[in-house]
Amino acid sequence: MGLFTLDEARGELARLRPVLDEIVTLRADMVELSAALAVPGERSPLGGLPERKAVEARLNELMTEIQETGAELKSVAPLLVDFPADLDGVPVHLCWLENENDITWYHRQDLGFAARRRLS
């Protein structure tokens, strides 16, 4: 895929918000269902193995939907989405982390999350 401008990345993030919100909900469901299944005889109000498999399948669909935009889903817990971009000739990722309202950070593609810097 191509590179994002900051405006394009912000627009894509806005479009993806419902997807990201659903991932957060399903992530919690997956943890609860998995915990119940790990203990013999334990039940979750959410169901059992069939429901866990359905949640897993839906999570995979949503993660694919993000990847198809050209954005990169780097983490699910917490959600971390990178948008490939170029700042002043330097390959970077415009970086959004769960609970942030906007894309206000970036990092060089070769350095990763630990090198995050605020956009000026």
N, C-alpha and C. Protein backbone atom coordinates (compact mmCIF):
# COMPACT_ATOMS: atom_id res chain seq x y z
N MET A 1 0.86 -1.17 0.00
CA MET A 1 0.00 0.00 0.00
C MET A 1 0.90 1.23 0.00
N GLY A 2 0.31 2.38 0.04
CA GLY A 2 1.09 3.59 -0.02
C GLY A 2 1.36 4.18 1.36
N LEU A 3 1.86 5.38 1.31
CA LEU A 3 2.13 6.13 2.53
C LEU A 3 0.94 7.01 2.84
N PHE A 4 0.77 7.30 4.12
CA PHE A 4 -0.31 8.17 4.57
C PHE A 4 0.25 9.56 4.83
N THR A 5 -0.53 10.59 4.51
CA THR A 5 -0.25 11.91 5.05
C THR A 5 -0.86 11.92 6.45
N LEU A 6 -0.54 12.91 7.24
CA LEU A 6 -1.13 12.99 8.58
C LEU A 6 -2.64 13.12 8.49
N ASP A 7 -3.13 13.94 7.57
CA ASP A 7 -4.59 14.09 7.41
C ASP A 7 -5.25 12.78 6.98
N GLU A 8 -4.61 12.05 6.07
CA GLU A 8 -5.16 10.76 5.64
C GLU A 8 -5.18 9.76 6.79
N ALA A 9 -4.11 9.72 7.58
CA ALA A 9 -4.06 8.80 8.71
C ALA A 9 -5.14 9.14 9.72
N ARG A 10 -5.33 10.42 9.97
CA ARG A 10 -6.39 10.84 10.91
C ARG A 10 -7.77 10.48 10.38
N GLY A 11 -7.97 10.63 9.09
CA GLY A 11 -9.25 10.25 8.49
C GLY A 11 -9.49 8.75 8.57
N GLU A 12 -8.45 7.97 8.31
CA GLU A 12 -8.57 6.52 8.39
C GLU A 12 -8.82 6.07 9.82
N LEU A 13 -8.14 6.70 10.78
CA LEU A 13 -8.37 6.38 12.19
C LEU A 13 -9.83 6.66 12.56
N ALA A 14 -10.37 7.78 12.12
CA ALA A 14 -11.77 8.10 12.41
C ALA A 14 -12.69 7.04 11.82
N ARG A 15 -12.40 6.62 10.61
CA ARG A 15 -13.22 5.59 9.96
C ARG A 15 -13.11 4.25 10.68
N LEU A 16 -11.93 3.97 11.24
CA LEU A 16 -11.70 2.70 11.92
C LEU A 16 -12.18 2.67 13.38
N ARG A 17 -12.59 3.79 13.93
CA ARG A 17 -12.99 3.82 15.35
C ARG A 17 -13.99 2.73 15.73
N PRO A 18 -15.06 2.52 14.96
CA PRO A 18 -15.99 1.44 15.33
C PRO A 18 -15.31 0.07 15.34
N VAL A 19 -14.42 -0.17 14.41
CA VAL A 19 -13.68 -1.43 14.35
C VAL A 19 -12.81 -1.58 15.59
N LEU A 20 -12.09 -0.51 15.94
CA LEU A 20 -11.21 -0.54 17.11
C LEU A 20 -12.00 -0.73 18.40
N ASP A 21 -13.16 -0.06 18.49
CA ASP A 21 -14.01 -0.23 19.68
C ASP A 21 -14.51 -1.67 19.80
N GLU A 22 -14.87 -2.26 18.66
CA GLU A 22 -15.33 -3.66 18.69
C GLU A 22 -14.20 -4.59 19.10
N ILE A 23 -12.98 -4.32 18.65
CA ILE A 23 -11.84 -5.14 19.05
C ILE A 23 -11.66 -5.10 20.56
N VAL A 24 -11.79 -3.93 21.16
CA VAL A 24 -11.64 -3.81 22.62
C VAL A 24 -12.67 -4.67 23.34
N THR A 25 -13.90 -4.63 22.88
CA THR A 25 -14.96 -5.44 23.50
C THR A 25 -14.69 -6.93 23.31
N LEU A 26 -14.37 -7.32 22.09
CA LEU A 26 -14.11 -8.73 21.80
C LEU A 26 -12.86 -9.24 22.52
N ARG A 27 -11.88 -8.38 22.68
CA ARG A 27 -10.66 -8.76 23.41
C ARG A 27 -11.02 -9.15 24.84
N ALA A 28 -11.86 -8.37 25.49
CA ALA A 28 -12.29 -8.69 26.85
C ALA A 28 -13.11 -9.98 26.88
N ASP A 29 -13.99 -10.15 25.90
CA ASP A 29 -14.78 -11.39 25.80
C ASP A 29 -13.87 -12.60 25.64
N MET A 30 -12.85 -12.46 24.80
CA MET A 30 -11.93 -13.57 24.54
C MET A 30 -11.20 -13.97 25.83
N VAL A 31 -10.76 -12.99 26.58
CA VAL A 31 -10.06 -13.28 27.83
C VAL A 31 -10.98 -14.00 28.80
N GLU A 32 -12.21 -13.52 28.93
CA GLU A 32 -13.16 -14.14 29.86
C GLU A 32 -13.50 -15.57 29.42
N LEU A 33 -13.78 -15.76 28.16
CA LEU A 33 -14.11 -17.09 27.66
C LEU A 33 -12.92 -18.04 27.81
N SER A 34 -11.73 -17.57 27.51
CA SER A 34 -10.54 -18.42 27.62
C SER A 34 -10.28 -18.80 29.06
N ALA A 35 -10.47 -17.87 29.98
CA ALA A 35 -10.25 -18.16 31.40
C ALA A 35 -11.23 -19.22 31.89
N ALA A 36 -12.49 -19.11 31.48
CA ALA A 36 -13.49 -20.09 31.90
C ALA A 36 -13.18 -21.47 31.31
N LEU A 37 -12.73 -21.50 30.08
CA LEU A 37 -12.43 -22.78 29.44
C LEU A 37 -11.19 -23.45 30.03
N ALA A 38 -10.33 -22.68 30.66
CA ALA A 38 -9.11 -23.24 31.24
C ALA A 38 -9.37 -24.00 32.53
N VAL A 39 -10.55 -23.79 33.13
CA VAL A 39 -10.89 -24.45 34.40
C VAL A 39 -12.02 -25.45 34.12
N PRO A 40 -11.74 -26.74 34.29
CA PRO A 40 -12.79 -27.74 34.03
C PRO A 40 -14.05 -27.46 34.84
N GLY A 41 -15.17 -27.48 34.15
CA GLY A 41 -16.45 -27.25 34.80
C GLY A 41 -16.83 -25.78 34.94
N GLU A 42 -15.91 -24.90 34.69
CA GLU A 42 -16.16 -23.45 34.79
C GLU A 42 -16.98 -23.01 33.57
N ARG A 43 -17.91 -22.09 33.79
CA ARG A 43 -18.73 -21.56 32.69
C ARG A 43 -18.68 -20.05 32.73
N SER A 44 -18.75 -19.47 31.58
CA SER A 44 -18.87 -18.02 31.47
C SER A 44 -20.27 -17.70 30.99
N PRO A 45 -20.84 -16.60 31.46
CA PRO A 45 -22.14 -16.19 30.93
C PRO A 45 -22.09 -15.92 29.42
N LEU A 46 -20.86 -15.75 28.91
CA LEU A 46 -20.71 -15.49 27.47
C LEU A 46 -20.78 -16.77 26.64
N GLY A 47 -20.67 -17.93 27.29
CA GLY A 47 -20.75 -19.19 26.57
C GLY A 47 -19.55 -20.06 26.80
N GLY A 48 -19.25 -20.88 25.81
CA GLY A 48 -18.16 -21.84 25.92
C GLY A 48 -17.27 -21.81 24.69
N LEU A 49 -16.80 -22.98 24.31
CA LEU A 49 -15.85 -23.09 23.20
C LEU A 49 -16.41 -22.56 21.87
N PRO A 50 -17.66 -22.86 21.51
CA PRO A 50 -18.16 -22.32 20.24
C PRO A 50 -18.16 -20.79 20.21
N GLU A 51 -18.53 -20.19 21.33
CA GLU A 51 -18.56 -18.73 21.40
C GLU A 51 -17.14 -18.16 21.35
N ARG A 52 -16.20 -18.85 21.98
CA ARG A 52 -14.80 -18.40 21.94
C ARG A 52 -14.27 -18.45 20.52
N LYS A 53 -14.60 -19.53 19.81
CA LYS A 53 -14.17 -19.65 18.41
C LYS A 53 -14.80 -18.56 17.55
N ALA A 54 -16.05 -18.22 17.83
CA ALA A 54 -16.72 -17.16 17.07
C ALA A 54 -16.07 -15.80 17.35
N VAL A 55 -15.71 -15.55 18.60
CA VAL A 55 -15.03 -14.30 18.94
C VAL A 55 -13.68 -14.23 18.24
N GLU A 56 -12.94 -15.34 18.27
CA GLU A 56 -11.64 -15.39 17.61
C GLU A 56 -11.77 -15.12 16.11
N ALA A 57 -12.77 -15.71 15.48
CA ALA A 57 -12.98 -15.50 14.05
C ALA A 57 -13.31 -14.04 13.75
N ARG A 58 -14.15 -13.45 14.59
CA ARG A 58 -14.52 -12.04 14.38
C ARG A 58 -13.31 -11.13 14.59
N LEU A 59 -12.51 -11.41 15.61
CA LEU A 59 -11.29 -10.63 15.84
C LEU A 59 -10.37 -10.70 14.62
N ASN A 60 -10.23 -11.87 14.05
CA ASN A 60 -9.39 -12.03 12.85
C ASN A 60 -9.93 -11.21 11.69
N GLU A 61 -11.25 -11.18 11.53
CA GLU A 61 -11.87 -10.37 10.46
C GLU A 61 -11.55 -8.89 10.66
N LEU A 62 -11.70 -8.42 11.90
CA LEU A 62 -11.48 -7.00 12.19
C LEU A 62 -10.00 -6.63 12.02
N MET A 63 -9.11 -7.51 12.43
CA MET A 63 -7.68 -7.23 12.27
C MET A 63 -7.32 -7.17 10.79
N THR A 64 -7.92 -8.05 9.99
CA THR A 64 -7.69 -8.02 8.54
C THR A 64 -8.22 -6.73 7.95
N GLU A 65 -9.36 -6.28 8.42
CA GLU A 65 -9.94 -5.03 7.92
C GLU A 65 -8.98 -3.85 8.14
N ILE A 66 -8.33 -3.83 9.30
CA ILE A 66 -7.36 -2.77 9.58
C ILE A 66 -6.18 -2.88 8.62
N GLN A 67 -5.63 -4.07 8.50
CA GLN A 67 -4.46 -4.28 7.64
C GLN A 67 -4.76 -3.90 6.19
N GLU A 68 -5.98 -4.14 5.73
CA GLU A 68 -6.34 -3.86 4.34
C GLU A 68 -6.33 -2.36 4.02
N THR A 69 -6.36 -1.52 5.04
CA THR A 69 -6.32 -0.07 4.80
C THR A 69 -4.91 0.41 4.51
N GLY A 70 -3.91 -0.43 4.79
CA GLY A 70 -2.52 -0.02 4.68
C GLY A 70 -1.93 0.32 6.03
N ALA A 71 -2.78 0.44 7.05
CA ALA A 71 -2.31 0.65 8.41
C ALA A 71 -1.76 -0.67 8.94
N GLU A 72 -0.96 -0.60 9.97
CA GLU A 72 -0.36 -1.80 10.56
C GLU A 72 -0.82 -1.94 12.00
N LEU A 73 -1.50 -3.03 12.29
CA LEU A 73 -1.91 -3.33 13.66
C LEU A 73 -0.72 -3.96 14.36
N LYS A 74 -0.13 -3.22 15.28
CA LYS A 74 1.10 -3.68 15.94
C LYS A 74 0.82 -4.43 17.24
N SER A 75 -0.30 -4.13 17.87
CA SER A 75 -0.62 -4.77 19.15
C SER A 75 -2.13 -4.72 19.36
N VAL A 76 -2.63 -5.74 20.05
CA VAL A 76 -4.06 -5.80 20.36
C VAL A 76 -4.32 -5.41 21.81
N ALA A 77 -3.35 -5.60 22.68
CA ALA A 77 -3.52 -5.26 24.10
C ALA A 77 -2.25 -4.61 24.62
N PRO A 78 -2.21 -3.30 24.65
CA PRO A 78 -3.22 -2.35 24.16
C PRO A 78 -3.18 -2.24 22.64
N LEU A 79 -4.26 -1.70 22.10
CA LEU A 79 -4.32 -1.49 20.66
C LEU A 79 -3.26 -0.48 20.25
N LEU A 80 -2.52 -0.83 19.24
CA LEU A 80 -1.49 0.05 18.70
C LEU A 80 -1.55 -0.06 17.19
N VAL A 81 -1.80 1.06 16.53
CA VAL A 81 -1.93 1.09 15.08
C VAL A 81 -0.93 2.10 14.53
N ASP A 82 -0.14 1.68 13.55
CA ASP A 82 0.83 2.53 12.88
C ASP A 82 0.39 2.78 11.45
N PHE A 83 0.63 4.00 11.00
CA PHE A 83 0.32 4.39 9.63
C PHE A 83 1.64 4.77 8.95
N PRO A 84 2.11 4.00 7.97
CA PRO A 84 3.36 4.34 7.30
C PRO A 84 3.28 5.73 6.67
N ALA A 85 4.34 6.49 6.84
CA ALA A 85 4.35 7.86 6.33
C ALA A 85 5.80 8.27 6.06
N ASP A 86 5.94 9.49 5.61
CA ASP A 86 7.26 10.06 5.35
C ASP A 86 7.25 11.47 5.96
N LEU A 87 8.19 11.74 6.84
CA LEU A 87 8.35 13.07 7.40
C LEU A 87 9.72 13.60 7.02
N ASP A 88 9.70 14.62 6.19
CA ASP A 88 10.96 15.26 5.75
C ASP A 88 11.93 14.24 5.17
N GLY A 89 11.42 13.30 4.39
CA GLY A 89 12.26 12.31 3.73
C GLY A 89 12.66 11.13 4.60
N VAL A 90 12.13 11.07 5.81
CA VAL A 90 12.45 9.97 6.73
C VAL A 90 11.25 9.04 6.82
N PRO A 91 11.43 7.72 6.59
CA PRO A 91 10.31 6.78 6.74
C PRO A 91 9.93 6.67 8.22
N VAL A 92 8.66 6.95 8.49
CA VAL A 92 8.16 6.92 9.87
C VAL A 92 6.83 6.18 9.91
N HIS A 93 6.39 5.92 11.11
CA HIS A 93 5.03 5.47 11.37
C HIS A 93 4.34 6.53 12.19
N LEU A 94 3.20 6.99 11.70
CA LEU A 94 2.33 7.83 12.52
C LEU A 94 1.64 6.86 13.46
N CYS A 95 1.72 7.12 14.74
CA CYS A 95 1.45 6.11 15.74
C CYS A 95 0.24 6.47 16.60
N TRP A 96 -0.73 5.58 16.67
CA TRP A 96 -1.91 5.76 17.53
C TRP A 96 -1.95 4.62 18.54
N LEU A 97 -2.13 4.97 19.81
CA LEU A 97 -2.22 4.02 20.90
C LEU A 97 -3.60 4.12 21.53
N GLU A 98 -4.16 2.98 21.88
CA GLU A 98 -5.47 2.92 22.53
C GLU A 98 -5.61 4.02 23.58
N ASN A 99 -6.77 4.65 23.60
CA ASN A 99 -7.15 5.73 24.52
C ASN A 99 -6.59 7.10 24.12
N GLU A 100 -5.82 7.17 23.04
CA GLU A 100 -5.42 8.48 22.55
C GLU A 100 -6.54 9.00 21.64
N ASN A 101 -6.81 10.30 21.72
CA ASN A 101 -7.90 10.88 20.93
C ASN A 101 -7.53 11.13 19.48
N ASP A 102 -6.25 11.29 19.22
CA ASP A 102 -5.81 11.68 17.90
C ASP A 102 -4.42 11.08 17.64
N ILE A 103 -3.95 11.20 16.44
CA ILE A 103 -2.59 10.80 16.11
C ILE A 103 -1.70 12.01 16.38
N THR A 104 -0.92 11.93 17.43
CA THR A 104 -0.05 13.04 17.80
C THR A 104 1.40 12.58 18.00
N TRP A 105 1.68 11.33 17.66
CA TRP A 105 3.00 10.75 17.84
C TRP A 105 3.47 10.09 16.55
N TYR A 106 4.76 9.96 16.42
CA TYR A 106 5.36 9.21 15.32
C TYR A 106 6.64 8.56 15.84
N HIS A 107 7.14 7.61 15.08
CA HIS A 107 8.48 7.07 15.34
C HIS A 107 9.07 6.62 14.02
N ARG A 108 10.38 6.65 13.93
CA ARG A 108 11.04 6.15 12.74
C ARG A 108 10.71 4.68 12.56
N GLN A 109 10.57 4.26 11.32
CA GLN A 109 10.21 2.87 11.06
C GLN A 109 11.28 1.91 11.56
N ASP A 110 12.51 2.33 11.55
CA ASP A 110 13.58 1.42 11.95
C ASP A 110 13.82 1.40 13.46
N LEU A 111 13.14 2.26 14.21
CA LEU A 111 13.38 2.33 15.65
C LEU A 111 12.22 1.82 16.50
N GLY A 112 11.02 1.90 16.01
CA GLY A 112 9.88 1.35 16.73
C GLY A 112 9.33 2.23 17.84
N PHE A 113 8.40 1.66 18.58
CA PHE A 113 7.58 2.37 19.56
C PHE A 113 8.41 3.09 20.62
N ALA A 114 9.50 2.50 21.05
CA ALA A 114 10.30 3.11 22.13
C ALA A 114 10.88 4.46 21.71
N ALA A 115 10.92 4.73 20.42
CA ALA A 115 11.46 5.99 19.92
C ALA A 115 10.36 6.99 19.56
N ARG A 116 9.17 6.81 20.12
CA ARG A 116 8.06 7.71 19.82
C ARG A 116 8.40 9.15 20.15
N ARG A 117 7.97 10.04 19.27
CA ARG A 117 8.15 11.47 19.48
C ARG A 117 6.84 12.18 19.12
N ARG A 118 6.62 13.28 19.78
CA ARG A 118 5.43 14.08 19.45
C ARG A 118 5.58 14.73 18.10
N LEU A 119 4.48 14.75 17.36
CA LEU A 119 4.46 15.52 16.11
C LEU A 119 4.50 17.00 16.47
N SER A 120 5.22 17.76 15.69
CA SER A 120 5.29 19.20 16.00
C SER A 120 4.18 19.96 15.33
